[in-house]
Amino acid sequence: MSHVPHELVDEFPDHAERIHALKMADRRFARLAEDYREVNRAIHRLETRIEPSSEEREAELRRRRLALKDEIAHALQVSAAQARA
């Protein structure tokens, strides 16, 4: 298990500029990115044992992070397709 936070630009390195642009232009995307950041930080605190938690809570947070990452990936794909059109 890695104790390194999974930042969006690390997860989607080829989309760093698009992530920034979408955060500035799209409220929904900005909220997704902020939610991802909050959940990601919570997981990092649990992994480093800064905050104690149950295994169930950690698993719940990981599922939430994955769902947010999927939504963000979809938004990035749609944005890229629109830019190509």
PDB file of N, CA and C in Angstrom:
ATOM      1  N   MET A   1       0.850  -1.177   0.000  1.00  0.00           N
ATOM      2  CA  MET A   1       0.000   0.000   0.000  1.00  0.00           C
ATOM      3  C   MET A   1       0.894   1.238   0.000  1.00  0.00           C
ATOM      4  N   SER A   2       0.609   2.139  -0.888  1.00  0.00           N
ATOM      5  CA  SER A   2       1.362   3.379  -1.005  1.00  0.00           C
ATOM      6  C   SER A   2       0.761   4.444  -0.098  1.00  0.00           C
ATOM      7  N   HIS A   3       1.613   5.228   0.516  1.00  0.00           N
ATOM      8  CA  HIS A   3       1.140   6.316   1.368  1.00  0.00           C
ATOM      9  C   HIS A   3       1.273   7.652   0.667  1.00  0.00           C
ATOM     10  N   VAL A   4       1.227   7.626  -0.649  1.00  0.00           N
ATOM     11  CA  VAL A   4       1.335   8.837  -1.450  1.00  0.00           C
ATOM     12  C   VAL A   4      -0.067   9.201  -1.936  1.00  0.00           C
ATOM     13  N   PRO A   5      -0.486  10.455  -1.749  1.00  0.00           N
ATOM     14  CA  PRO A   5      -1.818  10.826  -2.243  1.00  0.00           C
ATOM     15  C   PRO A   5      -1.939  10.658  -3.757  1.00  0.00           C
ATOM     16  N   HIS A   6      -3.116  10.289  -4.207  1.00  0.00           N
ATOM     17  CA  HIS A   6      -3.393  10.085  -5.630  1.00  0.00           C
ATOM     18  C   HIS A   6      -3.992  11.373  -6.189  1.00  0.00           C
ATOM     19  N   GLU A   7      -3.182  12.380  -6.416  1.00  0.00           N
ATOM     20  CA  GLU A   7      -3.679  13.655  -6.926  1.00  0.00           C
ATOM     21  C   GLU A   7      -4.180  13.479  -8.357  1.00  0.00           C
ATOM     22  N   LEU A   8      -5.140  14.308  -8.748  1.00  0.00           N
ATOM     23  CA  LEU A   8      -5.722  14.185 -10.081  1.00  0.00           C
ATOM     24  C   LEU A   8      -4.683  14.290 -11.188  1.00  0.00           C
ATOM     25  N   VAL A   9      -3.772  15.238 -11.079  1.00  0.00           N
ATOM     26  CA  VAL A   9      -2.770  15.386 -12.143  1.00  0.00           C
ATOM     27  C   VAL A   9      -1.830  14.186 -12.190  1.00  0.00           C
ATOM     28  N   ASP A  10      -1.693  13.466 -11.089  1.00  0.00           N
ATOM     29  CA  ASP A  10      -0.903  12.233 -11.092  1.00  0.00           C
ATOM     30  C   ASP A  10      -1.695  11.086 -11.727  1.00  0.00           C
ATOM     31  N   GLU A  11      -2.991  11.087 -11.491  1.00  0.00           N
ATOM     32  CA  GLU A  11      -3.856  10.046 -12.042  1.00  0.00           C
ATOM     33  C   GLU A  11      -4.085  10.235 -13.544  1.00  0.00           C
ATOM     34  N   PHE A  12      -4.128  11.503 -13.981  1.00  0.00           N
ATOM     35  CA  PHE A  12      -4.364  11.831 -15.385  1.00  0.00           C
ATOM     36  C   PHE A  12      -3.275  12.790 -15.879  1.00  0.00           C
ATOM     37  N   PRO A  13      -2.035  12.347 -15.948  1.00  0.00           N
ATOM     38  CA  PRO A  13      -0.935  13.260 -16.285  1.00  0.00           C
ATOM     39  C   PRO A  13      -1.049  13.892 -17.674  1.00  0.00           C
ATOM     40  N   ASP A  14      -1.674  13.204 -18.601  1.00  0.00           N
ATOM     41  CA  ASP A  14      -1.826  13.753 -19.958  1.00  0.00           C
ATOM     42  C   ASP A  14      -2.925  14.805 -20.046  1.00  0.00           C
ATOM     43  N   HIS A  15      -3.669  14.979 -18.964  1.00  0.00           N
ATOM     44  CA  HIS A  15      -4.808  15.900 -18.976  1.00  0.00           C
ATOM     45  C   HIS A  15      -4.653  17.041 -17.970  1.00  0.00           C
ATOM     46  N   ALA A  16      -3.447  17.321 -17.525  1.00  0.00           N
ATOM     47  CA  ALA A  16      -3.243  18.345 -16.496  1.00  0.00           C
ATOM     48  C   ALA A  16      -3.816  19.699 -16.916  1.00  0.00           C
ATOM     49  N   GLU A  17      -3.553  20.108 -18.147  1.00  0.00           N
ATOM     50  CA  GLU A  17      -4.062  21.401 -18.612  1.00  0.00           C
ATOM     51  C   GLU A  17      -5.583  21.383 -18.729  1.00  0.00           C
ATOM     52  N   ARG A  18      -6.127  20.290 -19.220  1.00  0.00           N
ATOM     53  CA  ARG A  18      -7.582  20.165 -19.359  1.00  0.00           C
ATOM     54  C   ARG A  18      -8.254  20.170 -17.990  1.00  0.00           C
ATOM     55  N   ILE A  19      -7.655  19.499 -17.014  1.00  0.00           N
ATOM     56  CA  ILE A  19      -8.201  19.494 -15.653  1.00  0.00           C
ATOM     57  C   ILE A  19      -8.274  20.919 -15.127  1.00  0.00           C
ATOM     58  N   HIS A  20      -7.204  21.656 -15.285  1.00  0.00           N
ATOM     59  CA  HIS A  20      -7.184  23.044 -14.810  1.00  0.00           C
ATOM     60  C   HIS A  20      -8.256  23.873 -15.520  1.00  0.00           C
ATOM     61  N   ALA A  21      -8.332  23.743 -16.836  1.00  0.00           N
ATOM     62  CA  ALA A  21      -9.307  24.519 -17.606  1.00  0.00           C
ATOM     63  C   ALA A  21     -10.733  24.167 -17.207  1.00  0.00           C
ATOM     64  N   LEU A  22     -11.010  22.884 -17.032  1.00  0.00           N
ATOM     65  CA  LEU A  22     -12.359  22.475 -16.644  1.00  0.00           C
ATOM     66  C   LEU A  22     -12.709  22.948 -15.234  1.00  0.00           C
ATOM     67  N   LYS A  23     -11.743  22.921 -14.338  1.00  0.00           N
ATOM     68  CA  LYS A  23     -12.002  23.419 -12.983  1.00  0.00           C
ATOM     69  C   LYS A  23     -12.367  24.899 -13.009  1.00  0.00           C
ATOM     70  N   MET A  24     -11.796  25.650 -13.930  1.00  0.00           N
ATOM     71  CA  MET A  24     -12.075  27.082 -14.038  1.00  0.00           C
ATOM     72  C   MET A  24     -13.402  27.359 -14.754  1.00  0.00           C
ATOM     73  N   ALA A  25     -13.772  26.505 -15.722  1.00  0.00           N
ATOM     74  CA  ALA A  25     -14.914  26.797 -16.584  1.00  0.00           C
ATOM     75  C   ALA A  25     -16.198  26.038 -16.232  1.00  0.00           C
ATOM     76  N   ASP A  26     -16.078  24.935 -15.532  1.00  0.00           N
ATOM     77  CA  ASP A  26     -17.228  24.050 -15.315  1.00  0.00           C
ATOM     78  C   ASP A  26     -17.419  23.822 -13.814  1.00  0.00           C
ATOM     79  N   ARG A  27     -18.488  24.394 -13.277  1.00  0.00           N
ATOM     80  CA  ARG A  27     -18.753  24.262 -11.831  1.00  0.00           C
ATOM     81  C   ARG A  27     -18.880  22.812 -11.388  1.00  0.00           C
ATOM     82  N   ARG A  28     -19.576  22.022 -12.194  1.00  0.00           N
ATOM     83  CA  ARG A  28     -19.780  20.613 -11.831  1.00  0.00           C
ATOM     84  C   ARG A  28     -18.434  19.882 -11.764  1.00  0.00           C
ATOM     85  N   PHE A  29     -17.589  20.119 -12.762  1.00  0.00           N
ATOM     86  CA  PHE A  29     -16.278  19.483 -12.760  1.00  0.00           C
ATOM     87  C   PHE A  29     -15.449  19.977 -11.572  1.00  0.00           C
ATOM     88  N   ALA A  30     -15.511  21.261 -11.292  1.00  0.00           N
ATOM     89  CA  ALA A  30     -14.767  21.817 -10.153  1.00  0.00           C
ATOM     90  C   ALA A  30     -15.207  21.147  -8.857  1.00  0.00           C
ATOM     91  N   ARG A  31     -16.513  20.903  -8.715  1.00  0.00           N
ATOM     92  CA  ARG A  31     -17.032  20.240  -7.512  1.00  0.00           C
ATOM     93  C   ARG A  31     -16.551  18.795  -7.452  1.00  0.00           C
ATOM     94  N   LEU A  32     -16.561  18.107  -8.588  1.00  0.00           N
ATOM     95  CA  LEU A  32     -16.044  16.735  -8.629  1.00  0.00           C
ATOM     96  C   LEU A  32     -14.573  16.699  -8.200  1.00  0.00           C
ATOM     97  N   ALA A  33     -13.800  17.622  -8.746  1.00  0.00           N
ATOM     98  CA  ALA A  33     -12.372  17.677  -8.416  1.00  0.00           C
ATOM     99  C   ALA A  33     -12.162  17.972  -6.936  1.00  0.00           C
ATOM    100  N   GLU A  34     -12.957  18.875  -6.385  1.00  0.00           N
ATOM    101  CA  GLU A  34     -12.827  19.205  -4.961  1.00  0.00           C
ATOM    102  C   GLU A  34     -13.248  18.017  -4.098  1.00  0.00           C
ATOM    103  N   ASP A  35     -14.340  17.357  -4.467  1.00  0.00           N
ATOM    104  CA  ASP A  35     -14.773  16.158  -3.728  1.00  0.00           C
ATOM    105  C   ASP A  35     -13.687  15.090  -3.773  1.00  0.00           C
ATOM    106  N   TYR A  36     -13.098  14.897  -4.963  1.00  0.00           N
ATOM    107  CA  TYR A  36     -12.018  13.920  -5.103  1.00  0.00           C
ATOM    108  C   TYR A  36     -10.861  14.279  -4.176  1.00  0.00           C
ATOM    109  N   ARG A  37     -10.483  15.555  -4.167  1.00  0.00           N
ATOM    110  CA  ARG A  37      -9.368  15.999  -3.326  1.00  0.00           C
ATOM    111  C   ARG A  37      -9.658  15.729  -1.852  1.00  0.00           C
ATOM    112  N   GLU A  38     -10.873  16.034  -1.409  1.00  0.00           N
ATOM    113  CA  GLU A  38     -11.237  15.826  -0.007  1.00  0.00           C
ATOM    114  C   GLU A  38     -11.209  14.348   0.373  1.00  0.00           C
ATOM    115  N   VAL A  39     -11.795  13.509  -0.465  1.00  0.00           N
ATOM    116  CA  VAL A  39     -11.814  12.063  -0.189  1.00  0.00           C
ATOM    117  C   VAL A  39     -10.393  11.516  -0.238  1.00  0.00           C
ATOM    118  N   ASN A  40      -9.626  11.945  -1.202  1.00  0.00           N
ATOM    119  CA  ASN A  40      -8.254  11.496  -1.353  1.00  0.00           C
ATOM    120  C   ASN A  40      -7.419  11.849  -0.116  1.00  0.00           C
ATOM    121  N   ARG A  41      -7.583  13.064   0.372  1.00  0.00           N
ATOM    122  CA  ARG A  41      -6.845  13.486   1.578  1.00  0.00           C
ATOM    123  C   ARG A  41      -7.277  12.670   2.793  1.00  0.00           C
ATOM    124  N   ALA A  42      -8.565  12.383   2.905  1.00  0.00           N
ATOM    125  CA  ALA A  42      -9.053  11.567   4.021  1.00  0.00           C
ATOM    126  C   ALA A  42      -8.425  10.172   3.976  1.00  0.00           C
ATOM    127  N   ILE A  43      -8.357   9.589   2.792  1.00  0.00           N
ATOM    128  CA  ILE A  43      -7.736   8.273   2.635  1.00  0.00           C
ATOM    129  C   ILE A  43      -6.257   8.347   3.005  1.00  0.00           C
ATOM    130  N   HIS A  44      -5.588   9.375   2.567  1.00  0.00           N
ATOM    131  CA  HIS A  44      -4.162   9.534   2.884  1.00  0.00           C
ATOM    132  C   HIS A  44      -3.949   9.622   4.400  1.00  0.00           C
ATOM    133  N   ARG A  45      -4.824  10.359   5.082  1.00  0.00           N
ATOM    134  CA  ARG A  45      -4.704  10.455   6.549  1.00  0.00           C
ATOM    135  C   ARG A  45      -4.910   9.093   7.214  1.00  0.00           C
ATOM    136  N   LEU A  46      -5.811   8.290   6.649  1.00  0.00           N
ATOM    137  CA  LEU A  46      -6.040   6.949   7.208  1.00  0.00           C
ATOM    138  C   LEU A  46      -4.854   6.035   6.922  1.00  0.00           C
ATOM    139  N   GLU A  47      -4.329   6.109   5.710  1.00  0.00           N
ATOM    140  CA  GLU A  47      -3.191   5.257   5.338  1.00  0.00           C
ATOM    141  C   GLU A  47      -1.958   5.554   6.183  1.00  0.00           C
ATOM    142  N   THR A  48      -1.754   6.794   6.511  1.00  0.00           N
ATOM    143  CA  THR A  48      -0.583   7.181   7.303  1.00  0.00           C
ATOM    144  C   THR A  48      -0.859   7.113   8.793  1.00  0.00           C
ATOM    145  N   ARG A  49      -2.061   6.657   9.119  1.00  0.00           N
ATOM    146  CA  ARG A  49      -2.484   6.471  10.515  1.00  0.00           C
ATOM    147  C   ARG A  49      -2.522   7.785  11.309  1.00  0.00           C
ATOM    148  N   ILE A  50      -2.702   8.893  10.598  1.00  0.00           N
ATOM    149  CA  ILE A  50      -2.905  10.181  11.265  1.00  0.00           C
ATOM    150  C   ILE A  50      -4.268  10.181  11.942  1.00  0.00           C
ATOM    151  N   GLU A  51      -5.237   9.553  11.279  1.00  0.00           N
ATOM    152  CA  GLU A  51      -6.582   9.421  11.821  1.00  0.00           C
ATOM    153  C   GLU A  51      -6.952   7.945  11.868  1.00  0.00           C
ATOM    154  N   PRO A  52      -7.385   7.477  13.021  1.00  0.00           N
ATOM    155  CA  PRO A  52      -7.819   6.077  13.095  1.00  0.00           C
ATOM    156  C   PRO A  52      -9.188   5.915  12.425  1.00  0.00           C
ATOM    157  N   SER A  53      -9.425   4.722  11.898  1.00  0.00           N
ATOM    158  CA  SER A  53     -10.699   4.451  11.247  1.00  0.00           C
ATOM    159  C   SER A  53     -10.908   2.953  11.144  1.00  0.00           C
ATOM    160  N   SER A  54     -12.147   2.591  10.904  1.00  0.00           N
ATOM    161  CA  SER A  54     -12.449   1.176  10.695  1.00  0.00           C
ATOM    162  C   SER A  54     -12.105   0.796   9.255  1.00  0.00           C
ATOM    163  N   GLU A  55     -11.934  -0.483   9.035  1.00  0.00           N
ATOM    164  CA  GLU A  55     -11.667  -0.970   7.683  1.00  0.00           C
ATOM    165  C   GLU A  55     -12.845  -0.667   6.764  1.00  0.00           C
ATOM    166  N   GLU A  56     -14.058  -0.739   7.322  1.00  0.00           N
ATOM    167  CA  GLU A  56     -15.254  -0.461   6.529  1.00  0.00           C
ATOM    168  C   GLU A  56     -15.258   0.989   6.043  1.00  0.00           C
ATOM    169  N   ARG A  57     -14.902   1.919   6.904  1.00  0.00           N
ATOM    170  CA  ARG A  57     -14.869   3.330   6.533  1.00  0.00           C
ATOM    171  C   ARG A  57     -13.800   3.577   5.459  1.00  0.00           C
ATOM    172  N   GLU A  58     -12.650   2.959   5.630  1.00  0.00           N
ATOM    173  CA  GLU A  58     -11.587   3.121   4.639  1.00  0.00           C
ATOM    174  C   GLU A  58     -12.030   2.551   3.291  1.00  0.00           C
ATOM    175  N   ALA A  59     -12.679   1.395   3.305  1.00  0.00           N
ATOM    176  CA  ALA A  59     -13.164   0.790   2.063  1.00  0.00           C
ATOM    177  C   ALA A  59     -14.227   1.678   1.417  1.00  0.00           C
ATOM    178  N   GLU A  60     -15.093   2.259   2.223  1.00  0.00           N
ATOM    179  CA  GLU A  60     -16.133   3.163   1.713  1.00  0.00           C
ATOM    180  C   GLU A  60     -15.504   4.377   1.027  1.00  0.00           C
ATOM    181  N   LEU A  61     -14.491   4.948   1.656  1.00  0.00           N
ATOM    182  CA  LEU A  61     -13.807   6.098   1.073  1.00  0.00           C
ATOM    183  C   LEU A  61     -13.108   5.728  -0.224  1.00  0.00           C
ATOM    184  N   ARG A  62     -12.507   4.555  -0.264  1.00  0.00           N
ATOM    185  CA  ARG A  62     -11.838   4.111  -1.491  1.00  0.00           C
ATOM    186  C   ARG A  62     -12.844   3.924  -2.632  1.00  0.00           C
ATOM    187  N   ARG A  63     -14.023   3.363  -2.318  1.00  0.00           N
ATOM    188  CA  ARG A  63     -15.059   3.211  -3.343  1.00  0.00           C
ATOM    189  C   ARG A  63     -15.523   4.576  -3.833  1.00  0.00           C
ATOM    190  N   ARG A  64     -15.661   5.524  -2.919  1.00  0.00           N
ATOM    191  CA  ARG A  64     -16.085   6.880  -3.291  1.00  0.00           C
ATOM    192  C   ARG A  64     -15.032   7.534  -4.195  1.00  0.00           C
ATOM    193  N   ARG A  65     -13.756   7.375  -3.840  1.00  0.00           N
ATOM    194  CA  ARG A  65     -12.687   7.950  -4.659  1.00  0.00           C
ATOM    195  C   ARG A  65     -12.704   7.352  -6.061  1.00  0.00           C
ATOM    196  N   LEU A  66     -12.903   6.054  -6.158  1.00  0.00           N
ATOM    197  CA  LEU A  66     -12.950   5.395  -7.460  1.00  0.00           C
ATOM    198  C   LEU A  66     -14.140   5.891  -8.283  1.00  0.00           C
ATOM    199  N   ALA A  67     -15.294   6.047  -7.644  1.00  0.00           N
ATOM    200  CA  ALA A  67     -16.474   6.551  -8.361  1.00  0.00           C
ATOM    201  C   ALA A  67     -16.226   7.974  -8.864  1.00  0.00           C
ATOM    202  N   LEU A  68     -15.617   8.810  -8.032  1.00  0.00           N
ATOM    203  CA  LEU A  68     -15.297  10.174  -8.451  1.00  0.00           C
ATOM    204  C   LEU A  68     -14.289  10.164  -9.595  1.00  0.00           C
ATOM    205  N   LYS A  69     -13.304   9.300  -9.495  1.00  0.00           N
ATOM    206  CA  LYS A  69     -12.294   9.203 -10.556  1.00  0.00           C
ATOM    207  C   LYS A  69     -12.945   8.781 -11.866  1.00  0.00           C
ATOM    208  N   ASP A  70     -13.901   7.857 -11.807  1.00  0.00           N
ATOM    209  CA  ASP A  70     -14.616   7.435 -13.009  1.00  0.00           C
ATOM    210  C   ASP A  70     -15.404   8.603 -13.613  1.00  0.00           C
ATOM    211  N   GLU A  71     -16.074   9.381 -12.779  1.00  0.00           N
ATOM    212  CA  GLU A  71     -16.833  10.542 -13.269  1.00  0.00           C
ATOM    213  C   GLU A  71     -15.900  11.571 -13.900  1.00  0.00           C
ATOM    214  N   ILE A  72     -14.772  11.791 -13.268  1.00  0.00           N
ATOM    215  CA  ILE A  72     -13.791  12.750 -13.782  1.00  0.00           C
ATOM    216  C   ILE A  72     -13.222  12.261 -15.111  1.00  0.00           C
ATOM    217  N   ALA A  73     -12.909  10.980 -15.195  1.00  0.00           N
ATOM    218  CA  ALA A  73     -12.390  10.414 -16.444  1.00  0.00           C
ATOM    219  C   ALA A  73     -13.412  10.587 -17.566  1.00  0.00           C
ATOM    220  N   HIS A  74     -14.664  10.348 -17.254  1.00  0.00           N
ATOM    221  CA  HIS A  74     -15.710  10.524 -18.261  1.00  0.00           C
ATOM    222  C   HIS A  74     -15.791  11.987 -18.709  1.00  0.00           C
ATOM    223  N   ALA A  75     -15.760  12.914 -17.761  1.00  0.00           N
ATOM    224  CA  ALA A  75     -15.805  14.338 -18.092  1.00  0.00           C
ATOM    225  C   ALA A  75     -14.610  14.736 -18.964  1.00  0.00           C
ATOM    226  N   LEU A  76     -13.454  14.186 -18.671  1.00  0.00           N
ATOM    227  CA  LEU A  76     -12.266  14.483 -19.475  1.00  0.00           C
ATOM    228  C   LEU A  76     -12.415  13.933 -20.898  1.00  0.00           C
ATOM    229  N   GLN A  77     -12.986  12.738 -21.019  1.00  0.00           N
ATOM    230  CA  GLN A  77     -13.198  12.153 -22.341  1.00  0.00           C
ATOM    231  C   GLN A  77     -14.180  12.995 -23.158  1.00  0.00           C
ATOM    232  N   VAL A  78     -15.269  13.421 -22.531  1.00  0.00           N
ATOM    233  CA  VAL A  78     -16.255  14.246 -23.217  1.00  0.00           C
ATOM    234  C   VAL A  78     -15.641  15.560 -23.642  1.00  0.00           C
ATOM    235  N   SER A  79     -14.879  16.172 -22.749  1.00  0.00           N
ATOM    236  CA  SER A  79     -14.233  17.446 -23.068  1.00  0.00           C
ATOM    237  C   SER A  79     -13.241  17.300 -24.222  1.00  0.00           C
ATOM    238  N   ALA A  80     -12.479  16.230 -24.208  1.00  0.00           N
ATOM    239  CA  ALA A  80     -11.510  15.988 -25.284  1.00  0.00           C
ATOM    240  C   ALA A  80     -12.232  15.761 -26.616  1.00  0.00           C
ATOM    241  N   ALA A  81     -13.327  15.023 -26.591  1.00  0.00           N
ATOM    242  CA  ALA A  81     -14.104  14.760 -27.807  1.00  0.00           C
ATOM    243  C   ALA A  81     -14.689  16.063 -28.349  1.00  0.00           C
ATOM    244  N   GLN A  82     -15.172  16.917 -27.464  1.00  0.00           N
ATOM    245  CA  GLN A  82     -15.740  18.190 -27.882  1.00  0.00           C
ATOM    246  C   GLN A  82     -14.646  19.092 -28.474  1.00  0.00           C
ATOM    247  N   ALA A  83     -13.473  19.030 -27.935  1.00  0.00           N
ATOM    248  CA  ALA A  83     -12.375  19.853 -28.444  1.00  0.00           C
ATOM    249  C   ALA A  83     -11.945  19.402 -29.841  1.00  0.00           C
ATOM    250  N   ARG A  84     -12.067  18.099 -30.105  1.00  0.00           N
ATOM    251  CA  ARG A  84     -11.695  17.566 -31.413  1.00  0.00           C
ATOM    252  C   ARG A  84     -12.756  17.850 -32.471  1.00  0.00           C
ATOM    253  N   ALA A  85     -14.016  18.033 -32.016  1.00  0.00           N
ATOM    254  CA  ALA A  85     -15.127  18.229 -32.970  1.00  0.00           C
ATOM    255  C   ALA A  85     -15.134  19.609 -33.583  1.00  0.00           C
TER     256      ALA A  85
END
